Protein backbone atom coordinates (compact mmCIF):
# COMPACT_ATOMS: atom_id res chain seq x y z
CA MET A 1 9.87 18.75 25.43
CA LYS A 2 6.21 18.32 26.18
CA CYS A 3 6.59 19.01 29.60
CA PHE A 4 8.20 22.04 28.86
CA PHE A 5 5.47 23.25 26.69
CA ALA A 6 3.22 22.16 29.61
CA PHE A 7 4.62 24.39 31.69
CA LEU A 8 5.09 27.02 29.51
CA ILE A 9 1.46 27.24 28.92
CA VAL A 10 0.75 27.38 32.39
CA VAL A 11 2.72 29.99 33.70
CA LEU A 12 1.44 32.53 30.68
CA SER A 13 -2.05 31.42 31.79
CA VAL A 14 -1.74 32.29 35.13
CA SER A 15 0.44 35.90 33.79
CA SER A 16 -2.55 36.27 31.54
CA ALA A 17 -5.14 36.57 35.15
CA GLN A 18 -3.40 38.66 37.03
CA TRP A 19 -4.27 42.53 36.97
CA ASN A 20 -0.38 43.50 37.04
CA GLN A 21 -1.04 46.99 35.33
CA PHE A 22 -4.02 50.42 34.65
CA ARG A 23 -6.51 48.14 33.13
CA GLY A 24 -5.68 45.08 33.79
CA SER A 25 -3.01 42.40 32.06
CA GLY A 26 -3.84 43.62 28.67
CA GLY A 27 -4.22 47.15 29.27
CA GLU A 28 -7.74 46.58 27.59
CA GLY A 29 -10.21 46.90 30.73
CA LYS A 30 -11.58 43.34 30.42
CA THR A 31 -11.77 40.17 31.76
CA ASP A 32 -13.49 36.84 31.62
CA ALA A 33 -14.42 36.83 35.61
CA ASP A 34 -17.76 36.30 36.86
CA LEU A 35 -18.18 39.89 38.51
CA PRO A 36 -21.33 40.23 40.82
CA LEU A 37 -24.37 42.32 38.53
CA GLU A 38 -25.10 43.63 42.42
CA PHE A 39 -23.59 45.52 44.89
CA GLY A 40 -22.86 49.00 46.77
CA GLU A 41 -22.37 49.81 50.16
CA GLY A 42 -23.15 47.13 52.29
CA LYS A 43 -24.09 45.24 49.85
CA ASN A 44 -21.72 42.03 48.20
CA VAL A 45 -18.48 43.67 50.02
CA THR A 46 -16.51 40.72 51.19
CA TRP A 47 -14.37 43.71 53.32
CA LYS A 48 -13.49 47.33 53.48
CA THR A 49 -10.57 48.62 54.62
CA PRO A 50 -10.44 52.66 55.28
CA MET A 51 -7.13 54.71 53.55
CA ALA A 52 -6.40 58.04 55.04
CA GLY A 53 -4.92 60.56 52.30
CA LYS A 54 -5.56 62.43 49.09
CA ALA A 55 -4.43 59.42 45.94
CA TRP A 56 -6.06 58.97 42.47
CA SER A 57 -4.05 55.41 41.56
CA SER A 58 -5.63 52.52 40.91
CA PRO A 59 -5.12 48.70 42.07
CA VAL A 60 -2.97 46.43 40.63
CA VAL A 61 -3.40 43.08 41.63
CA TRP A 62 -0.31 39.94 42.21
CA GLY A 63 -1.35 36.73 43.29
CA ASP A 64 -2.97 37.38 46.90
CA GLN A 65 -1.33 40.89 47.12
CA ILE A 66 -3.10 43.90 45.63
CA TRP A 67 -0.91 47.39 45.85
CA PHE A 68 -1.73 50.95 45.05
CA THR A 69 0.27 54.34 46.00
CA ASN A 70 -1.00 56.49 48.71
CA ALA A 71 0.19 60.50 49.21
CA GLU A 72 -0.67 63.44 52.07
CA ALA A 73 -2.76 65.92 50.18
CA ASP A 74 0.17 68.36 50.63
CA GLY A 75 2.97 65.68 48.72
CA HIS A 76 5.52 65.91 50.85
CA LYS A 77 5.01 61.65 52.32
CA LEU A 78 4.49 59.39 48.90
CA TRP A 79 3.58 55.86 50.05
CA ALA A 80 3.26 52.25 48.52
CA VAL A 81 0.25 50.70 49.97
CA CYS A 82 -0.12 46.40 50.02
CA LEU A 83 -3.21 44.59 50.90
CA ASP A 84 -4.30 41.06 51.45
CA ALA A 85 -6.71 40.12 48.77
CA LYS A 86 -8.42 37.62 51.05
CA SER A 87 -8.47 39.94 54.27
CA GLY A 88 -8.16 43.31 53.20
CA LYS A 89 -5.58 43.58 55.93
CA VAL A 90 -2.69 46.01 55.52
CA LEU A 91 0.47 43.38 54.91
CA HIS A 92 3.05 46.46 53.86
CA ASN A 93 2.52 50.78 54.37
CA LYS A 94 5.74 51.49 52.67
CA LEU A 95 6.62 55.48 52.97
CA VAL A 96 8.76 55.61 49.59
CA PHE A 97 9.50 59.37 49.36
CA GLU A 98 9.59 62.30 51.19
CA ILE A 99 9.48 65.03 49.65
CA ALA A 100 10.73 68.45 51.14
CA GLU A 101 9.12 70.92 48.47
CA PRO A 102 6.71 68.96 46.06
CA GLN A 103 5.27 70.80 42.99
CA LYS A 104 2.42 72.66 43.44
CA SER A 105 -0.66 72.41 41.46
CA PRO A 106 -3.39 75.73 40.32
CA VAL A 107 -6.22 72.70 40.67
CA ALA A 108 -7.59 70.78 43.15
CA MET A 109 -8.40 67.64 40.71
CA ASN A 110 -5.32 65.57 40.73
CA SER A 111 -3.72 64.34 43.29
CA TYR A 112 0.08 63.26 44.14
CA ALA A 113 0.09 59.62 43.82
CA SER A 114 -2.57 59.21 40.69
CA CYS A 115 -0.09 57.38 38.74
CA THR A 116 -1.26 53.33 39.27
CA PRO A 117 1.62 51.09 39.62
CA VAL A 118 2.94 47.89 37.46
CA ILE A 119 3.59 44.47 39.19
CA GLU A 120 5.48 41.27 38.33
CA GLU A 121 6.89 38.35 39.89
CA GLY A 122 8.61 39.40 43.63
CA ARG A 123 8.16 43.04 42.09
CA VAL A 124 6.54 46.22 42.19
CA TYR A 125 7.01 49.55 40.21
CA VAL A 126 5.97 52.69 41.73
CA THR A 127 6.46 56.23 40.03
CA PHE A 128 4.72 59.76 41.04
CA GLY A 129 6.40 61.63 38.08
CA VAL A 130 9.18 64.03 38.86
CA HIS A 131 9.18 63.13 42.93
CA GLY A 132 10.37 59.80 42.76
CA THR A 133 10.18 56.81 40.43
CA ALA A 134 10.60 53.07 42.60
CA CYS A 135 11.15 49.60 42.41
CA LEU A 136 10.23 47.62 45.54
CA ASN A 137 10.66 44.05 46.65
CA THR A 138 6.84 42.66 47.41
CA LYS A 139 7.72 40.62 49.64
CA THR A 140 9.64 42.59 52.01
CA ALA A 141 8.44 46.17 50.61
CA SER A 142 12.33 47.04 50.91
CA VAL A 143 13.38 49.22 47.92
CA ILE A 144 15.24 47.47 45.22
CA TRP A 145 15.89 51.22 43.33
CA LYS A 146 14.67 54.56 43.02
CA ARG A 147 15.23 57.66 40.93
CA GLN A 148 14.77 60.98 41.61
CA ASP A 149 17.02 62.82 39.28
CA LYS A 150 17.39 65.77 37.02
CA GLU A 151 17.05 63.78 33.65
CA LEU A 152 13.72 62.37 35.17
CA TYR A 153 12.22 66.00 35.51
CA CYS A 154 9.58 68.09 34.34
CA ASP A 155 7.12 70.66 35.61
CA HIS A 156 3.77 68.61 35.56
CA PHE A 157 2.34 71.71 36.46
CA ARG A 158 -1.09 70.07 37.60
CA LEU A 159 0.70 66.92 39.00
CA PRO A 160 1.72 63.81 37.09
CA ALA A 161 -0.49 61.15 36.38
CA SER A 162 1.04 58.83 34.01
CA SER A 163 1.39 55.31 34.65
CA PRO A 164 4.04 53.33 33.67
CA ILE A 165 4.07 49.79 31.49
CA LEU A 166 6.56 46.80 31.54
CA HIS A 167 7.67 45.58 27.89
CA ASN A 168 11.20 43.31 27.21
CA GLY A 169 13.11 44.01 30.47
CA MET A 170 12.15 47.90 30.62
CA LEU A 171 9.73 49.75 32.72
CA ILE A 172 8.05 52.73 30.33
CA LEU A 173 7.56 56.20 31.52
CA ILE A 174 5.91 59.20 30.36
CA PHE A 175 6.67 63.02 31.44
CA ASP A 176 4.45 65.02 29.19
CA GLY A 177 5.12 68.80 31.56
CA ALA A 178 4.78 72.51 30.83
CA ASP A 179 8.46 72.71 30.00
CA ARG A 180 9.78 69.51 28.98
CA GLN A 181 7.77 66.37 27.31
CA PHE A 182 9.72 63.39 26.66
CA VAL A 183 9.45 59.17 26.85
CA ALA A 184 12.01 57.06 29.35
CA ALA A 185 12.36 53.31 29.07
CA LEU A 186 14.52 52.23 32.54
CA ASP A 187 15.47 48.99 32.96
CA LYS A 188 14.09 47.20 35.37
CA GLU A 189 16.61 45.68 36.93
CA SER A 190 18.62 48.63 38.00
CA GLY A 191 16.58 52.16 36.84
CA LYS A 192 18.80 52.86 34.61
CA THR A 193 17.97 54.93 31.65
CA ARG A 194 17.60 52.32 28.49
CA TRP A 195 16.64 55.36 25.94
CA LEU A 196 14.56 58.47 26.07
CA HIS A 197 12.84 60.15 23.93
CA LYS A 198 12.38 64.18 23.50
CA ARG A 199 8.68 64.76 21.89
CA ALA A 200 9.82 65.54 18.22
CA PHE A 201 7.04 67.40 17.19
CA ASP A 202 6.13 71.09 16.58
CA PHE A 203 3.35 71.88 19.57
CA GLY A 204 2.31 74.93 17.81
CA THR A 205 2.34 77.20 21.08
CA ASP A 206 4.34 78.48 23.74
CA ASN A 207 1.95 77.49 26.50
CA GLY A 208 3.46 75.20 28.77
CA ASP A 209 -0.28 74.23 30.01
CA ARG A 210 -1.32 72.94 26.56
CA LYS A 211 2.00 71.08 26.35
CA LYS A 212 0.76 68.88 29.19
CA ALA A 213 -0.36 64.99 29.05
CA TYR A 214 -1.41 62.24 31.48
CA ALA A 215 -1.78 59.23 29.12
CA THR A 216 -0.32 55.65 29.69
CA PRO A 217 1.41 54.17 26.77
CA SER A 218 0.89 50.87 24.96
CA VAL A 219 2.81 48.47 22.88
CA ILE A 220 1.33 46.95 20.23
CA LYS A 221 2.20 44.78 16.77
CA VAL A 222 1.90 45.91 13.27
CA GLY A 223 2.85 43.25 11.39
CA ASN A 224 6.59 42.43 12.58
CA GLN A 225 6.85 45.47 13.62
CA GLU A 226 6.16 46.18 17.41
CA GLN A 227 5.37 50.03 18.04
CA LEU A 228 5.01 51.91 21.66
CA ILE A 229 1.96 53.86 21.58
CA ALA A 230 2.41 57.55 23.04
CA PRO A 231 -0.44 60.25 23.41
CA ALA A 232 1.12 63.69 24.06
CA ALA A 233 -1.15 67.16 23.83
CA ILE A 234 -1.57 68.15 20.05
CA ALA A 235 0.00 64.67 18.72
CA THR A 236 0.49 60.95 19.25
CA GLU A 237 3.77 59.52 18.12
CA ALA A 238 4.75 55.92 17.55
CA LEU A 239 8.03 54.59 19.14
CA ASN A 240 10.10 51.94 18.30
CA PRO A 241 9.94 50.17 21.95
CA ALA A 242 13.13 48.53 21.63
CA SER A 243 15.27 51.96 21.04
CA GLY A 244 12.92 54.98 21.32
CA LYS A 245 13.53 55.88 17.66
CA LEU A 246 10.53 57.54 16.53
CA ILE A 247 8.42 55.68 13.65
CA TRP A 248 4.74 57.39 12.98
CA THR A 249 3.26 61.18 14.14
CA ALA A 250 -0.27 61.94 14.03
CA ARG A 251 -1.65 64.90 14.92
CA THR A 252 -4.81 63.93 17.54
CA GLY A 253 -4.92 67.25 18.93
CA GLY A 254 -6.54 68.88 22.32
CA MET A 255 -3.82 68.83 25.85
CA ASN A 256 -4.12 67.06 29.03
CA ALA A 257 -4.58 63.40 26.95
CA SER A 258 -4.54 60.54 29.43
CA GLY A 259 -6.52 57.92 27.74
CA LYS A 260 -4.52 54.63 27.52
CA PRO A 261 -4.62 53.80 23.77
CA LEU A 262 -6.79 50.71 22.34
CA TYR A 263 -5.71 48.89 18.69
CA GLY A 264 -8.13 47.16 16.73
CA HIS A 265 -9.76 46.34 13.24
CA GLY A 266 -6.30 47.60 11.95
CA LEU A 267 -6.81 51.25 14.21
CA VAL A 268 -5.14 52.75 16.68
CA PHE A 269 -8.17 54.75 18.59
CA ILE A 270 -7.11 57.54 20.97
CA ASN A 271 -8.95 60.16 23.14
CA ASN A 272 -7.54 63.36 24.88
CA GLY A 273 -8.27 65.69 27.09
CA MET A 274 -10.82 68.37 25.40
CA GLY A 275 -13.05 65.74 24.12
CA SER A 276 -12.30 64.19 20.62
CA MET A 277 -11.23 61.09 19.94
CA SER A 278 -9.02 59.38 16.27
CA ALA A 279 -8.80 56.21 14.49
CA ILE A 280 -5.09 56.10 13.10
CA LYS A 281 -4.04 53.31 10.93
CA PRO A 282 -0.62 52.54 12.32
CA GLU A 283 1.25 51.93 8.79
CA GLY A 284 4.03 53.61 7.28
CA ALA A 285 6.53 56.04 9.09
CA GLY A 286 6.41 60.00 9.52
CA ASN A 287 3.25 61.82 9.48
CA LEU A 288 -0.15 60.05 9.09
CA GLU A 289 -3.63 61.71 9.16
CA ALA A 290 -6.54 60.14 11.02
CA VAL A 291 -9.14 58.06 9.48
CA TRP A 292 -11.81 58.92 11.36
CA SER A 293 -12.48 61.34 14.57
CA THR A 294 -15.46 62.97 16.65
CA ARG A 295 -15.85 65.42 19.03
CA ARG A 296 -19.20 63.76 20.03
CA ASN A 297 -19.19 62.68 24.01
CA ILE A 298 -15.97 61.53 24.41
CA PRO A 299 -14.60 61.35 28.10
CA LYS A 300 -11.60 63.94 28.61
CA LYS A 301 -10.36 61.54 31.13
CA SER A 302 -11.35 57.89 30.97
CA SER A 303 -9.77 55.45 28.79
CA MET A 304 -12.26 53.54 26.61
CA ILE A 305 -13.42 50.14 25.65
CA LEU A 306 -13.00 47.80 22.66
CA HIS A 307 -15.70 44.88 22.48
CA GLY A 308 -16.15 43.40 18.97
CA ALA A 309 -16.87 46.04 16.52
CA HIS A 310 -17.58 48.42 19.04
CA LEU A 311 -16.11 50.82 21.53
CA TYR A 312 -17.72 51.78 24.93
CA MET A 313 -17.03 54.77 26.67
CA VAL A 314 -18.48 57.46 29.50
CA ALA A 315 -17.59 61.19 29.01
CA ASP A 316 -17.13 63.20 32.24
CA THR A 317 -20.40 64.66 31.97
CA GLY A 318 -21.69 60.95 32.42
CA VAL A 319 -23.19 60.31 28.81
CA ALA A 320 -22.00 56.62 28.14
CA SER A 321 -21.81 55.90 23.95
CA CYS A 322 -21.45 53.26 21.59
CA LEU A 323 -19.25 53.67 18.51
CA GLU A 324 -19.21 51.61 15.41
CA ALA A 325 -14.99 51.03 15.93
CA LYS A 326 -14.18 51.32 12.11
CA THR A 327 -16.25 54.19 10.85
CA GLY A 328 -17.07 56.26 14.43
CA LYS A 329 -20.58 55.93 13.67
CA SER A 330 -22.66 56.46 16.88
CA LEU A 331 -25.20 53.92 17.82
CA TRP A 332 -26.28 54.71 21.14
CA SER A 333 -25.37 58.10 23.47
CA GLU A 334 -27.81 58.06 27.10
CA ARG A 335 -26.95 59.10 30.58
CA LEU A 336 -26.34 56.93 33.14
CA GLY A 337 -27.57 58.95 35.50
CA ALA A 338 -24.89 58.83 38.57
CA GLY A 339 -22.97 62.25 37.71
CA GLU A 340 -19.73 62.54 36.80
CA PHE A 341 -17.05 60.06 36.25
CA ALA A 342 -13.25 59.99 36.02
CA ALA A 343 -12.46 56.37 36.02
CA SER A 344 -12.01 53.84 33.90
CA PRO A 345 -15.20 51.41 32.72
CA ILE A 346 -14.58 48.04 32.78
CA LEU A 347 -16.04 45.03 30.62
CA ALA A 348 -16.88 41.49 32.00
CA LYS A 349 -18.03 39.37 29.51
CA ASP A 350 -20.44 41.41 28.30
CA ARG A 351 -21.35 43.62 30.98
CA LEU A 352 -19.50 47.40 31.21
CA TYR A 353 -19.23 48.65 34.70
CA PHE A 354 -18.90 52.36 35.51
CA PHE A 355 -18.11 53.83 38.74
CA GLY A 356 -19.16 58.32 39.14
CA MET A 357 -17.16 60.54 40.95
CA LYS A 358 -19.89 60.86 43.85
CA GLY A 359 -20.00 57.19 44.24
CA ASP A 360 -23.23 55.91 42.29
CA VAL A 361 -22.09 52.97 40.06
CA ALA A 362 -24.39 52.17 36.61
CA VAL A 363 -23.75 48.44 35.08
CA ALA A 364 -25.20 47.94 31.83
CA THR A 365 -25.24 45.88 28.77
CA ALA A 366 -22.37 46.27 26.41
CA THR A 367 -24.68 45.76 23.16
CA THR A 368 -25.88 47.78 20.49
CA GLU A 369 -29.03 48.73 22.41
CA PHE A 370 -28.15 50.96 26.15
CA LYS A 371 -29.61 48.91 28.86
CA VAL A 372 -28.58 49.53 32.29
CA LEU A 373 -29.18 46.21 34.30
CA ALA A 374 -28.18 47.50 37.69
CA ARG A 375 -27.23 50.12 39.95
CA GLY A 376 -25.50 50.66 43.48
CA LYS A 377 -23.69 53.56 45.72
CA PHE A 378 -20.84 54.07 47.98
CA ALA A 379 -20.20 56.17 50.41
CA ASP A 380 -17.73 58.20 48.87
CA GLY A 381 -16.68 58.33 44.78
CA PHE A 382 -14.39 57.27 42.36
CA MET A 383 -11.30 58.31 40.75
CA ALA A 384 -9.72 55.24 40.29
CA THR A 385 -10.38 52.18 37.46
CA PRO A 386 -11.01 48.89 39.63
CA ALA A 387 -9.09 45.80 39.57
CA VAL A 388 -9.88 42.08 39.58
CA PHE A 389 -9.06 39.38 42.14
CA GLU A 390 -10.67 36.29 40.87
CA ASP A 391 -14.60 37.08 40.31
CA ALA A 392 -13.99 40.04 42.62
CA LEU A 393 -14.13 43.63 42.06
CA ILE A 394 -11.26 45.10 44.15
CA LEU A 395 -12.44 48.87 44.29
CA ARG A 396 -10.96 51.83 45.56
CA THR A 397 -13.23 55.12 46.33
CA LYS A 398 -12.01 58.72 47.54
CA SER A 399 -11.27 57.29 50.75
CA ALA A 400 -11.62 53.25 51.55
CA VAL A 401 -10.85 50.11 49.37
CA TYR A 402 -13.12 47.36 48.89
CA ARG A 403 -13.56 43.79 47.86
CA VAL A 404 -17.02 43.23 46.18
CA GLN A 405 -18.75 39.63 44.97
């Protein structure tokens, strides 16, 4: 029995070290790795691998493999790409889907491969929204199963961006389109639908553009009850992850929600695509009200960091902020001087790492006093959120992937 528990502890510690999904193993954008303080184009770069295409998905890491998705700018060809973490060599460049008539977007901001994969031992799961979802063997890049059917369909209108998560044998995805809005759980072994939940609240509008969202869900535990937190336009729903049944709804406002929910201090923190955020106490059932909310310098695209008693974030405009998590009180808001932002920051120990849309990098203190510790610059801009491998950052710009340490 002692041997079994020793083995279990080792397995859990190894698994938790993997950057296996959007924003890492806990989905919180945090790591204990000893990341470099100073880096940039040609500085502390271990390798650089050029990457053609237009794709904003973030890299994920398992073992010595780095995976992400890629796409042609017009969306006709969609790939899953694997790099060797030690050398940057391309191990797999798997054409997963060829799309004869991809959905069109009225804006150029998004890409056809903005959804970050999720990975586990032996399998990587990639999704391109309605254009297809697939499970691949990580050793051979062969397709284990794929879905491109009408059940998993919506009009994304401005292309997809919600990333999947794994939970209790299920791959959970959000489809919040202009015409249909739902959350789906697929059996991770077969790809078959376990449950599908149609958004159950009134959007209060017939304008499909105001019903879209791009959020990645989170699973939290409140008492003995697991809750799947699934932000949408106008509201956020909490579902039973085992069945998809609705637990509570909170009117969190806005549209285009893309941040990943955070949970701490008894509150769920949600930011939306209209630049506001809400703190919800996830207890009880039915309709819940926000404990506090604010619209001051809130990110529309990126996710936030919860570190100790404080929330840290960077608005699209490049203004970084620190709030008291329990009250929403602003402790500081400072311009980083690094242009606009879409990528989510990450936290390493007490350092915040910010990555701008024009290739600027800023490292600041995660404390109640704002201080920039270092700056860097890359040849191209960041839309993807970095991953962590050992004590290295895996960075994806619009045209290349880097390892820096």
